[in-house]
Amino acid sequence: MISTDPEIDPRKCVVGIACAAQAVQDGHLVNVFFASHAVRLLQTDYITNIDGKVGEAAGTAAELLKTLVTGAQAVHCSGGSQRVVGVSPENAEEILVGGYELNWAGPAAVVSLSGHADVVLTF
């Protein structure tokens, strides 16, 4: 689960995405849940512009996110958190990175996913 506000600790957010992307590349079944203000990391404009804040080359975070979302077993987000930042299922296609199916969920999904996981990493 990634729930850190990228405005407060963008580096931690990118490290979380990098770890999850590495797990995908290593062949693990990865379910990732974006919650709280970390849902902004799924926004095309946001992930494209975060590299300068974290000392990475342009495109690094977006490429890591692409690896994660295209290779994960499932990508989940908090519907309530998305609403707070102005994203809904109706406008998501215009705002969010595409190429995957996004599961809109809430706390029950976090608990269920955690309960079924062999390993849980939180960032």
Protein backbone atom coordinates (compact mmCIF):
# COMPACT_ATOMS: atom_id res chain seq x y z
CA MET A 1 0.00 0.00 0.00
CA ILE A 2 1.20 3.45 -0.86
CA SER A 3 -0.44 6.14 1.25
CA THR A 4 2.27 8.73 1.83
CA ASP A 5 1.39 12.20 0.57
CA PRO A 6 3.77 12.85 -2.33
CA GLU A 7 3.80 16.55 -1.46
CA ILE A 8 5.30 15.68 1.94
CA ASP A 9 7.66 12.82 1.02
CA PRO A 10 7.86 12.35 -2.74
CA ARG A 11 11.03 10.25 -2.49
CA LYS A 12 9.30 7.70 -0.24
CA CYS A 13 6.47 7.46 -2.77
CA VAL A 14 8.82 6.79 -5.67
CA VAL A 15 10.75 4.24 -3.59
CA GLY A 16 7.44 2.47 -2.88
CA ILE A 17 6.59 2.36 -6.58
CA ALA A 18 10.14 1.15 -7.38
CA CYS A 19 9.92 -1.67 -4.82
CA ALA A 20 6.54 -2.80 -6.12
CA ALA A 21 7.79 -2.61 -9.73
CA GLN A 22 10.83 -4.69 -8.76
CA ALA A 23 8.55 -7.30 -7.20
CA VAL A 24 6.63 -7.46 -10.50
CA GLN A 25 9.89 -7.85 -12.45
CA ASP A 26 10.99 -10.61 -10.07
CA GLY A 27 7.83 -12.58 -10.84
CA HIS A 28 5.84 -11.94 -7.67
CA LEU A 29 2.06 -11.55 -7.76
CA VAL A 30 1.63 -7.93 -6.78
CA ASN A 31 -1.53 -6.17 -5.66
CA VAL A 32 -0.99 -2.48 -5.01
CA PHE A 33 -3.37 -0.13 -3.23
CA PHE A 34 -3.01 3.65 -3.53
CA ALA A 35 -4.69 5.51 -0.67
CA SER A 36 -4.96 8.99 0.79
CA HIS A 37 -3.13 11.65 -1.22
CA ALA A 38 -0.87 9.00 -2.76
CA VAL A 39 -3.65 8.51 -5.32
CA ARG A 40 -2.13 11.56 -7.05
CA LEU A 41 0.72 9.28 -8.13
CA LEU A 42 -1.71 7.71 -10.60
CA GLN A 43 -2.28 11.06 -12.33
CA THR A 44 -0.41 11.41 -15.61
CA ASP A 45 0.65 15.02 -14.99
CA TYR A 46 1.70 14.33 -11.40
CA ILE A 47 3.85 11.24 -12.01
CA THR A 48 5.44 12.88 -15.06
CA ASN A 49 6.60 15.85 -12.99
CA ILE A 50 7.71 14.16 -9.75
CA ASP A 51 11.23 13.21 -10.92
CA GLY A 52 12.67 16.68 -10.35
CA LYS A 53 11.50 16.57 -6.73
CA VAL A 54 13.25 13.26 -6.04
CA GLY A 55 16.53 13.65 -7.90
CA GLU A 56 15.72 11.19 -10.69
CA ALA A 57 16.09 11.54 -14.43
CA ALA A 58 13.01 12.70 -16.29
CA GLY A 59 10.64 9.81 -16.97
CA THR A 60 11.98 7.51 -14.26
CA ALA A 61 8.92 7.52 -11.99
CA ALA A 62 6.48 7.23 -14.90
CA GLU A 63 8.39 4.25 -16.26
CA LEU A 64 8.41 2.56 -12.84
CA LEU A 65 4.68 3.16 -12.49
CA LYS A 66 4.09 1.74 -15.97
CA THR A 67 6.02 -1.41 -15.03
CA LEU A 68 3.97 -1.71 -11.86
CA VAL A 69 0.49 -1.11 -13.24
CA THR A 70 0.96 -3.24 -16.36
CA GLY A 71 2.52 -6.14 -14.47
CA ALA A 72 0.60 -6.14 -11.20
CA GLN A 73 -2.07 -8.71 -10.53
CA ALA A 74 -4.32 -5.78 -9.64
CA VAL A 75 -4.16 -2.04 -8.98
CA HIS A 76 -6.53 -0.62 -6.38
CA CYS A 77 -7.24 2.90 -5.22
CA SER A 78 -9.33 4.57 -2.57
CA GLY A 79 -12.41 5.98 -4.22
CA GLY A 80 -12.85 8.47 -1.38
CA SER A 81 -9.27 9.66 -1.70
CA GLN A 82 -9.64 10.05 -5.44
CA ARG A 83 -12.75 12.20 -4.94
CA VAL A 84 -10.80 14.49 -2.58
CA VAL A 85 -8.28 15.22 -5.35
CA GLY A 86 -10.99 15.68 -7.98
CA VAL A 87 -10.94 12.30 -9.71
CA SER A 88 -13.95 10.06 -10.23
CA PRO A 89 -14.65 6.99 -12.37
CA GLU A 90 -16.32 9.37 -14.81
CA ASN A 91 -13.26 11.60 -15.41
CA ALA A 92 -10.47 9.14 -14.56
CA GLU A 93 -9.63 8.37 -18.18
CA GLU A 94 -8.77 12.04 -18.77
CA ILE A 95 -6.58 12.38 -15.65
CA LEU A 96 -5.03 9.04 -14.72
CA VAL A 97 -2.27 7.00 -16.33
CA GLY A 98 -3.91 4.41 -18.57
CA GLY A 99 -3.14 0.90 -19.68
CA TYR A 100 -4.57 -1.05 -16.76
CA GLU A 101 -7.82 -1.74 -14.93
CA LEU A 102 -8.19 0.30 -11.75
CA ASN A 103 -10.24 -1.17 -8.91
CA TRP A 104 -11.99 1.57 -6.93
CA ALA A 105 -12.29 0.39 -3.34
CA GLY A 106 -12.01 1.34 0.31
CA PRO A 107 -10.79 0.10 3.69
CA ALA A 108 -12.45 -3.32 3.33
CA ALA A 109 -10.27 -4.02 0.28
CA VAL A 110 -7.11 -2.98 2.15
CA VAL A 111 -7.96 -5.40 4.96
CA SER A 112 -8.85 -8.22 2.56
CA LEU A 113 -5.75 -7.78 0.41
CA SER A 114 -3.52 -7.61 3.48
CA GLY A 115 -5.13 -10.70 4.99
CA HIS A 116 -4.48 -12.75 1.85
CA ALA A 117 -0.93 -11.52 1.21
CA ASP A 118 2.23 -13.39 2.11
CA VAL A 119 4.11 -10.10 2.37
CA VAL A 120 2.78 -6.57 2.87
CA LEU A 121 4.93 -3.50 2.26
CA THR A 122 3.64 -0.05 3.13
CA PHE A 123 5.02 3.24 1.94
